[in-house]
Every structure is written in C-alpha cells, then in structure tokens.
C-alpha cells in the first residue's frame, strides 16, 4: 500500500515558531527531555523512541516509530533570586516562556526511515534593575535561545537493529545587558555596553544506534557533535571576546536502556554527558566557566488500559557551575540539579493521542565560595508540557 505523504509544511511552521520563542532549560541550557512523553519519564529517551521528536534524542530511534507527526509546547516557569556581592543587594527574577517542539517521521521503505525533528534550548534572566549601583549600568538581563532543526535518516540492516545519522541545523539568538566588570582603576567597576539582540547559525552532526537484543529490551547510544556557531556581532568585542563572539552548542554523548517489564509496564534509564567545558566560551578564565555535566535519568510508564497511560520519572545532574563562579553566573543561574516528572497520555482514537506532562526542579541554592564569597544564587523551575501525536 502506498504511504501517505508527510505534511512537510508542518515542519517548516514548527521551525519558524521556534525561532520566535524562548526555551529556558534546566541541564545547563538544555531541556530535561525532548518529546512530551519522554520528558514526562524523566527525559529517558536514548533507547525509548516514543514520537516524532525522536531524532532529537537518538536518530536511530526514528526507525521504531510509525509514520507520524508530533506537535508539542513546553511552558517554562522559573523563579530565581540572588544576594549579589554587596550586603543587602537582593535581586529577583521571574520568567514564563513558551517553547514549541515537534517533528515528522515517514518510512520510505521497510528498512529506511526519514525524519525532521525540532527541539529548543536556552537560558536567561531579567532582574529588572542593575546588578550593582554602578553609574551607567543597565538592567541586569540576558537571553539565550537555541532552536535546532534535525533532518535525520535511519537504516535497519536487521529487524532488531537501527543505525541513524542526522544534522543539527542550529539557530541562536543572544542578548545581554547590565554586565559589570572590574575597571582598570583598582577597586573600580565598569559597565559593559549592550549590543542588542544578535543571531547566529551553525551546523553539527548526530549519530546513534538502537538495538533490541531480546524481547522487551532495547539498548541505545547517541552522539551529538558540537555545532560551531557564527559570530554574535558586537559581543565579539567585549563579553564574548575570548571565544571570538561565538556561543557554540556543546557536544554530548550518552547511552540508554529500556525494558518492557510487562505488557503494561515500561522502565527506562539514560546516562548522558554534556560537554559544556569543551566549548571555547566556557574556557574564559574570567567567564562562566561551565564544566562538563553528567546527567542520570530514570522513567516509568504504566498503561492503565488501551486509552490511558501514566508516566513518571526523575533525573539528577552534577551542576556545571562551580561555587567559585557564582558571581560570573548571575545572568545565567542554571543551577538546578534534580528534577521530578509526571505525565498522562490519552489515546483519543487509533491515530490520535494527547499528552500532558509536568516537571519540577525544586528550589536549589548555590552559595559562592572563594572569589564569589558573599554571593548566593537560588532557583526553582517548573515545566508544563502539552503535546499531540498523530499516526498516519
């Protein structure tokens, strides 16, 4: 039977929407999970492809998802605060941001699958006032938005093994204001001028494998290369001078396992390593200095009946920010180390499914030490997730 053509225009609409929306995240500047169902299971996904966002988790996974399309929306709600440098200098930041995600998968033959997935990432803050009482200092705020469109292909040399390749087509938007640095005069401070909202583009590669060695078991590996981004005009002269104005998207690699313990219960776990410390901007001795970050994710799904499925999960990372760098990370207070998730799926009919999810990153505090003594950063993040999946 001839397969129906995928709605390719849909992927274009999703990508355009991503370029105009913010996506703030919790593993540094990355989301806890891609795809509403996977995100509701603690982000576990490398060996557990569940929808048409699968290429963002492991391009090999698209071979085990039916021809389908997915639309999703993540609503980020964050509250952070800082006691910054001077006694009594308290700053508050509250933000709500929307971030779409989605994708399309179609099988051109029994052993070849194509897909376009889209995911978002980012970080930022807006404290509504200068960070310190320095003449000429602007409002302390920053925004980093990253949208990734991922065309991918997977090949199944056997029925239980898939090999996948994909491209990361990245678009980035960055804005920072209110940055204050030491002045040439001993003890003095100098505000850095803002350069407005600037954009950059970049390309990276992805590869993965997914193997089903026995009934009910899946093993997956995923590798994502660094996406080298173009220069952000203006910031290459000051704030990002060390990295020549580039904010690259970091490489990452990981492995996962999924086990269908019964007809109704599925368990999954991932280990992921994000190479923040390998990108040039993080190697600036006076900058953010994020280090490489390991992430552990666990999830479970229980089918109540043919229509309803409940999901839950948890994840834990090692903070990429060292306590000695609390001062430098005021504008990107991505310090959350734990997340707890839950979700619900409702199969409306054989083709349509509605998915809901929730993620809580409980209140976390980073107390500065060494050169950052006297500065404390605090953050709490919630994510509300809504998605729709349609199988052709």
Protein backbone atom coordinates (compact mmCIF):
# COMPACT_ATOMS: atom_id res chain seq x y z
CA UNK A 1 0.00 0.00 0.00
CA UNK A 2 1.32 3.42 -0.92
CA UNK A 3 2.28 5.52 2.08
CA UNK A 4 0.67 8.91 2.60
CA UNK A 5 2.95 11.90 2.06
CA UNK A 6 4.06 13.59 5.28
CA UNK A 7 2.90 17.15 5.96
CA UNK A 8 6.29 18.73 5.28
CA UNK A 9 4.91 22.25 5.58
CA UNK A 10 4.18 21.45 9.21
CA UNK A 11 7.88 21.06 9.99
CA UNK A 12 8.55 24.47 8.44
CA UNK A 13 5.83 26.08 10.57
CA UNK A 14 7.26 24.47 13.71
CA UNK A 15 10.75 25.69 12.90
CA UNK A 16 9.57 29.26 12.27
CA UNK A 17 7.68 29.22 15.58
CA UNK A 18 10.80 28.09 17.41
CA UNK A 19 12.79 30.99 16.04
CA UNK A 20 10.37 33.39 17.72
CA UNK A 21 10.03 31.71 21.10
CA UNK A 22 12.18 31.30 24.15
CA UNK A 23 13.18 27.99 25.66
CA UNK A 24 14.75 28.09 29.08
CA UNK A 25 16.08 24.86 30.45
CA UNK A 26 17.49 23.00 33.41
CA UNK A 27 20.52 20.86 32.42
CA UNK A 28 22.66 23.94 31.97
CA UNK A 29 20.84 25.39 28.97
CA UNK A 30 19.26 22.15 27.73
CA UNK A 31 15.76 20.81 28.43
CA UNK A 32 15.19 17.88 30.77
CA UNK A 33 13.81 15.90 27.84
CA UNK A 34 12.75 16.18 24.19
CA UNK A 35 9.24 15.00 23.36
CA UNK A 36 6.40 15.32 25.88
CA UNK A 37 6.12 11.59 26.63
CA UNK A 38 9.88 11.15 27.08
CA UNK A 39 10.13 14.35 29.14
CA UNK A 40 7.42 13.03 31.47
CA UNK A 41 9.59 9.94 32.05
CA UNK A 42 12.49 11.94 33.47
CA UNK A 43 13.81 12.61 29.96
CA UNK A 44 14.67 8.94 29.28
CA UNK A 45 14.74 8.57 25.52
CA UNK A 46 18.02 7.22 24.05
CA UNK A 47 16.65 3.66 23.94
CA UNK A 48 12.96 4.61 24.06
CA UNK A 49 11.68 6.48 20.96
CA UNK A 50 8.05 7.44 21.55
CA UNK A 51 7.11 10.09 18.98
CA UNK A 52 8.28 12.16 16.01
CA UNK A 53 10.71 14.20 18.15
CA UNK A 54 12.85 11.02 18.38
CA UNK A 55 15.65 12.34 16.14
CA UNK A 56 16.47 14.93 18.81
CA UNK A 57 17.20 12.10 21.27
CA UNK A 58 18.72 9.41 19.04
CA UNK A 59 18.41 9.48 15.22
CA UNK A 60 18.36 5.66 15.15
CA UNK A 61 15.13 5.71 17.13
CA UNK A 62 13.04 7.05 14.26
CA UNK A 63 13.12 3.58 12.65
CA UNK A 64 10.99 2.21 15.50
CA UNK A 65 8.32 4.96 15.43
CA UNK A 66 5.42 4.68 12.94
CA UNK A 67 4.98 7.32 10.24
CA UNK A 68 3.58 10.17 12.30
CA UNK A 69 3.76 13.80 13.31
CA UNK A 70 4.09 15.42 16.73
CA UNK A 71 3.35 18.92 18.00
CA UNK A 72 4.35 19.97 21.50
CA UNK A 73 4.52 23.02 23.71
CA UNK A 74 6.69 23.49 26.79
CA UNK A 75 5.77 26.26 29.22
CA UNK A 76 8.73 27.25 31.39
CA UNK A 77 8.06 28.97 34.69
CA UNK A 78 11.15 29.97 36.63
CA UNK A 79 11.88 31.98 39.77
CA UNK A 80 15.45 32.81 40.72
CA UNK A 81 16.99 35.26 43.14
CA UNK A 82 20.43 36.45 44.14
CA UNK A 83 22.13 38.06 47.09
CA UNK A 84 24.82 39.63 44.98
CA UNK A 85 28.28 40.82 46.10
CA UNK A 86 27.17 43.61 48.49
CA UNK A 87 25.28 43.09 51.78
CA UNK A 88 21.56 43.79 51.27
CA UNK A 89 21.82 43.77 47.45
CA UNK A 90 18.96 41.37 46.71
CA UNK A 91 17.77 40.68 43.14
CA UNK A 92 14.64 38.81 41.96
CA UNK A 93 13.91 37.22 38.58
CA UNK A 94 10.63 35.65 37.44
CA UNK A 95 10.04 34.41 33.92
CA UNK A 96 7.45 32.47 31.95
CA UNK A 97 8.45 31.37 28.46
CA UNK A 98 6.90 29.21 25.75
CA UNK A 99 8.86 26.79 23.57
CA UNK A 100 7.39 24.65 20.78
CA UNK A 101 8.76 21.31 19.63
CA UNK A 102 7.70 18.71 17.11
CA UNK A 103 8.56 16.62 14.11
CA UNK A 104 7.55 14.37 11.24
CA UNK A 105 8.58 10.75 10.54
CA UNK A 106 7.93 8.77 7.40
CA UNK A 107 9.05 5.33 6.23
CA UNK A 108 10.09 5.27 2.58
CA UNK A 109 10.82 1.52 2.60
CA UNK A 110 10.86 -1.36 5.04
CA UNK A 111 14.44 -0.59 6.11
CA UNK A 112 14.84 3.19 5.56
CA UNK A 113 13.18 5.97 7.59
CA UNK A 114 13.38 9.74 7.26
CA UNK A 115 12.50 12.38 9.83
CA UNK A 116 12.62 16.06 10.66
CA UNK A 117 12.56 16.85 14.37
CA UNK A 118 12.76 20.19 16.13
CA UNK A 119 13.87 21.00 19.67
CA UNK A 120 14.73 24.11 21.66
CA UNK A 121 17.10 25.14 24.42
CA UNK A 122 18.27 28.26 26.21
CA UNK A 123 18.83 30.13 29.43
CA UNK A 124 18.44 33.63 30.77
CA UNK A 125 17.15 36.08 33.36
CA UNK A 126 15.76 39.59 33.81
CA UNK A 127 16.24 41.11 37.26
CA UNK A 128 14.54 44.40 36.38
CA UNK A 129 17.33 46.54 37.88
CA UNK A 130 21.12 46.96 37.71
CA UNK A 131 23.09 44.21 39.40
CA UNK A 132 25.16 46.76 41.34
CA UNK A 133 24.88 50.52 41.99
CA UNK A 134 27.34 51.47 39.25
CA UNK A 135 26.84 54.63 37.21
CA UNK A 136 25.71 53.84 33.66
CA UNK A 137 24.86 50.18 34.38
CA UNK A 138 21.85 48.82 32.52
CA UNK A 139 19.21 46.40 33.73
CA UNK A 140 20.78 43.02 34.54
CA UNK A 141 19.31 40.64 31.97
CA UNK A 142 20.27 38.10 29.37
CA UNK A 143 18.52 35.80 26.91
CA UNK A 144 19.90 32.79 25.05
CA UNK A 145 17.55 30.95 22.69
CA UNK A 146 18.60 28.00 20.55
CA UNK A 147 16.38 26.23 18.01
CA UNK A 148 17.58 23.01 16.38
CA UNK A 149 16.02 21.53 13.24
CA UNK A 150 17.21 17.94 12.81
CA UNK A 151 16.82 16.17 9.46
CA UNK A 152 17.69 12.51 10.01
CA UNK A 153 17.76 9.13 8.29
CA UNK A 154 17.84 5.64 9.82
CA UNK A 155 18.62 2.27 8.28
CA UNK A 156 17.63 -1.12 9.67
CA UNK A 157 20.12 -3.78 8.48
CA UNK A 158 18.11 -6.26 10.55
CA UNK A 159 14.67 -6.15 12.13
CA UNK A 160 16.09 -5.51 15.61
CA UNK A 161 18.92 -3.05 14.81
CA UNK A 162 18.80 0.54 13.58
CA UNK A 163 21.64 2.91 12.67
CA UNK A 164 20.88 6.62 12.39
CA UNK A 165 22.52 9.81 11.13
CA UNK A 166 21.32 13.38 11.38
CA UNK A 167 22.26 17.04 11.01
CA UNK A 168 21.87 19.71 13.66
CA UNK A 169 20.82 22.92 11.92
CA UNK A 170 21.07 25.38 14.79
CA UNK A 171 19.80 28.96 15.05
CA UNK A 172 20.77 31.03 18.08
CA UNK A 173 19.65 34.35 19.50
CA UNK A 174 21.56 36.13 22.26
CA UNK A 175 21.15 39.36 24.19
CA UNK A 176 22.88 40.60 27.33
CA UNK A 177 22.78 43.86 29.23
CA UNK A 178 23.83 45.10 32.65
CA UNK A 179 27.15 43.24 32.67
CA UNK A 180 29.66 44.83 35.07
CA UNK A 181 33.40 44.11 35.03
CA UNK A 182 36.43 45.31 37.04
CA UNK A 183 37.78 48.67 35.83
CA UNK A 184 41.47 49.46 35.24
CA UNK A 185 41.38 51.58 38.41
CA UNK A 186 41.95 49.29 41.43
CA UNK A 187 38.64 48.55 43.12
CA UNK A 188 36.62 50.22 40.35
CA UNK A 189 33.76 48.75 38.33
CA UNK A 190 32.82 49.40 34.72
CA UNK A 191 29.52 48.64 32.92
CA UNK A 192 29.82 46.80 29.59
CA UNK A 193 27.61 48.30 26.85
CA UNK A 194 24.85 46.08 25.47
CA UNK A 195 24.71 45.16 21.79
CA UNK A 196 21.05 44.29 21.49
CA UNK A 197 19.63 41.03 20.21
CA UNK A 198 22.03 39.25 17.86
CA UNK A 199 21.67 35.98 15.94
CA UNK A 200 23.99 33.21 14.81
CA UNK A 201 23.72 29.94 12.90
CA UNK A 202 25.67 26.71 12.96
CA UNK A 203 25.75 23.07 11.87
CA UNK A 204 26.60 19.85 13.67
CA UNK A 205 26.30 16.09 13.21
CA UNK A 206 24.43 13.37 15.08
CA UNK A 207 24.73 9.58 15.07
CA UNK A 208 23.14 6.78 17.00
CA UNK A 209 22.28 3.12 17.22
CA UNK A 210 19.33 1.27 18.72
CA UNK A 211 19.38 -2.48 19.26
CA UNK A 212 16.69 -4.82 20.56
CA UNK A 213 18.72 -7.86 21.71
CA UNK A 214 15.79 -9.72 23.25
CA UNK A 215 12.05 -9.45 23.58
CA UNK A 216 11.18 -6.41 25.69
CA UNK A 217 14.72 -5.00 25.80
CA UNK A 218 16.23 -2.00 23.96
CA UNK A 219 19.74 -0.59 24.13
CA UNK A 220 20.70 2.75 22.58
CA UNK A 221 23.71 5.02 22.12
CA UNK A 222 23.71 8.58 20.87
CA UNK A 223 26.44 11.01 19.84
CA UNK A 224 25.96 14.69 19.04
CA UNK A 225 28.88 16.80 17.80
CA UNK A 226 29.48 20.41 18.73
CA UNK A 227 27.68 22.89 16.49
CA UNK A 228 30.14 25.67 15.70
CA UNK A 229 28.13 28.88 15.60
CA UNK A 230 28.80 32.08 13.70
CA UNK A 231 29.79 35.32 15.47
CA UNK A 232 27.38 37.36 17.53
CA UNK A 233 28.02 40.90 16.31
CA UNK A 234 29.21 43.35 18.95
CA UNK A 235 29.69 40.76 21.68
CA UNK A 236 32.90 39.61 19.99
CA UNK A 237 34.46 42.91 21.15
CA UNK A 238 33.84 42.50 24.88
CA UNK A 239 31.63 39.95 26.66
CA UNK A 240 32.45 37.08 24.26
CA UNK A 241 35.85 38.32 23.05
CA UNK A 242 37.64 35.24 24.40
CA UNK A 243 35.60 32.97 22.10
CA UNK A 244 35.66 35.39 19.14
CA UNK A 245 31.98 36.17 19.66
CA UNK A 246 30.85 32.54 19.38
CA UNK A 247 28.47 30.65 21.65
CA UNK A 248 28.78 27.12 20.30
CA UNK A 249 26.19 24.43 21.05
CA UNK A 250 28.06 21.75 23.05
CA UNK A 251 28.68 18.16 22.05
CA UNK A 252 27.10 15.37 24.07
CA UNK A 253 27.01 11.59 24.16
CA UNK A 254 25.06 9.02 26.08
CA UNK A 255 23.63 5.53 26.41
CA UNK A 256 20.24 4.23 27.43
CA UNK A 257 18.30 1.09 28.21
CA UNK A 258 14.57 0.35 28.15
CA UNK A 259 12.74 -2.72 29.41
CA UNK A 260 9.14 -3.63 28.82
CA UNK A 261 8.72 -5.50 32.09
CA UNK A 262 5.10 -6.49 31.37
CA UNK A 263 2.53 -5.78 28.70
CA UNK A 264 1.63 -2.61 30.60
CA UNK A 265 4.83 -1.51 32.38
CA UNK A 266 7.92 0.03 30.71
CA UNK A 267 11.06 1.10 32.59
CA UNK A 268 13.94 3.15 31.16
CA UNK A 269 17.23 4.75 32.17
CA UNK A 270 19.76 7.06 30.45
CA UNK A 271 23.25 8.29 31.16
CA UNK A 272 24.21 11.48 29.32
CA UNK A 273 27.33 13.66 29.32
CA UNK A 274 27.12 17.27 28.08
CA UNK A 275 30.49 18.78 27.14
CA UNK A 276 29.99 22.39 28.26
CA UNK A 277 33.64 22.68 29.30
CA UNK A 278 34.87 21.87 25.80
CA UNK A 279 33.41 24.96 24.13
CA UNK A 280 35.68 28.00 23.98
CA UNK A 281 33.40 30.48 25.74
CA UNK A 282 33.45 28.32 28.87
CA UNK A 283 37.26 28.31 28.95
CA UNK A 284 37.49 32.07 29.50
CA UNK A 285 39.34 32.47 32.85
CA UNK A 286 37.09 35.45 33.68
CA UNK A 287 33.86 33.98 32.30
CA UNK A 288 31.11 31.49 33.08
CA UNK A 289 33.50 28.50 33.28
CA UNK A 290 30.82 25.81 32.98
CA UNK A 291 32.26 22.31 33.33
CA UNK A 292 31.24 19.08 31.62
CA UNK A 293 28.00 17.79 33.06
CA UNK A 294 26.87 14.17 33.61
CA UNK A 295 23.12 13.51 33.78
CA UNK A 296 21.29 10.39 35.05
CA UNK A 297 17.65 9.89 34.04
CA UNK A 298 15.07 7.28 35.11
CA UNK A 299 11.49 6.80 33.97
CA UNK A 300 8.46 4.52 34.01
CA UNK A 301 5.22 4.25 32.02
CA UNK A 302 2.13 2.26 33.05
CA UNK A 303 -0.72 1.54 30.62
CA UNK A 304 -3.94 1.69 32.61
CA UNK A 305 -5.92 0.45 29.61
CA UNK A 306 -5.97 0.86 25.83
CA UNK A 307 -6.59 4.60 26.13
CA UNK A 308 -4.77 5.86 29.21
CA UNK A 309 -1.07 5.74 30.17
CA UNK A 310 0.56 7.38 33.18
CA UNK A 311 4.25 8.29 33.29
CA UNK A 312 6.75 9.36 35.93
CA UNK A 313 10.48 9.91 36.25
CA UNK A 314 13.40 11.67 37.85
CA UNK A 315 16.79 12.97 36.80
CA UNK A 316 19.93 14.10 38.56
CA UNK A 317 22.91 16.04 37.21
CA UNK A 318 26.11 17.48 38.57
CA UNK A 319 25.87 21.26 38.44
CA UNK A 320 28.02 22.69 35.66
CA UNK A 321 28.71 25.82 37.76
CA UNK A 322 31.38 25.72 40.44
CA UNK A 323 30.65 27.67 43.62
CA UNK A 324 33.69 29.90 42.97
CA UNK A 325 31.93 31.17 39.81
CA UNK A 326 28.63 32.27 41.34
CA UNK A 327 29.36 35.95 40.63
CA UNK A 328 30.02 35.37 36.92
CA UNK A 329 26.81 33.33 36.52
CA UNK A 330 24.32 35.85 37.89
CA UNK A 331 22.73 36.29 34.45
CA UNK A 332 22.52 32.55 33.71
CA UNK A 333 21.55 30.99 37.07
CA UNK A 334 21.12 27.45 35.69
CA UNK A 335 21.95 25.69 38.96
CA UNK A 336 19.18 23.06 39.29
CA UNK A 337 20.49 19.53 39.86
CA UNK A 338 17.31 17.47 40.42
CA UNK A 339 14.06 17.08 38.50
CA UNK A 340 10.87 15.11 39.13
CA UNK A 341 8.38 14.48 36.34
CA UNK A 342 4.91 13.09 35.73
CA UNK A 343 2.64 12.76 32.72
CA UNK A 344 -0.54 11.38 31.22
CA UNK A 345 -1.36 10.16 27.71
CA UNK A 346 -4.87 9.79 26.29
CA UNK A 347 -5.34 7.86 23.05
CA UNK A 348 -8.35 9.57 21.53
CA UNK A 349 -8.60 7.10 18.62
CA UNK A 350 -6.24 4.70 16.79
CA UNK A 351 -4.47 7.66 15.15
CA UNK A 352 -4.57 10.49 17.71
CA UNK A 353 -3.02 10.89 21.14
CA UNK A 354 -2.96 13.83 23.58
CA UNK A 355 -0.06 14.05 26.05
CA UNK A 356 0.37 16.10 29.21
CA UNK A 357 3.45 16.45 31.37
CA UNK A 358 4.87 18.29 34.36
CA UNK A 359 8.43 18.77 35.57
CA UNK A 360 9.53 20.20 38.92
CA UNK A 361 13.08 21.32 39.60
CA UNK A 362 12.88 22.09 43.33
CA UNK A 363 14.41 25.13 44.95
CA UNK A 364 18.21 24.94 44.70
CA UNK A 365 20.79 27.28 46.22
CA UNK A 366 24.40 27.84 45.18
CA UNK A 367 26.46 29.60 47.84
CA UNK A 368 29.53 31.32 46.47
CA UNK A 369 32.97 30.48 47.78
CA UNK A 370 36.44 31.90 47.18
CA UNK A 371 36.22 34.91 44.89
CA UNK A 372 32.40 34.55 44.91
CA UNK A 373 32.04 34.59 48.71
CA UNK A 374 29.12 36.84 49.64
CA UNK A 375 27.04 35.86 46.58
CA UNK A 376 24.19 33.34 46.70
CA UNK A 377 22.08 32.18 43.74
CA UNK A 378 18.72 30.43 44.19
CA UNK A 379 16.47 28.88 41.53
CA UNK A 380 13.20 26.95 41.21
CA UNK A 381 11.85 25.80 37.83
CA UNK A 382 8.57 24.25 36.71
CA UNK A 383 7.71 22.98 33.23
CA UNK A 384 4.17 22.40 31.96
CA UNK A 385 4.02 20.21 28.85
CA UNK A 386 1.29 19.69 26.26
CA UNK A 387 1.58 17.61 23.10
CA UNK A 388 -0.36 15.97 20.27
CA UNK A 389 0.79 12.91 18.33
CA UNK A 390 -0.85 11.72 15.08
CA UNK A 391 -0.02 8.40 13.41
CA UNK A 392 -0.71 8.20 9.68
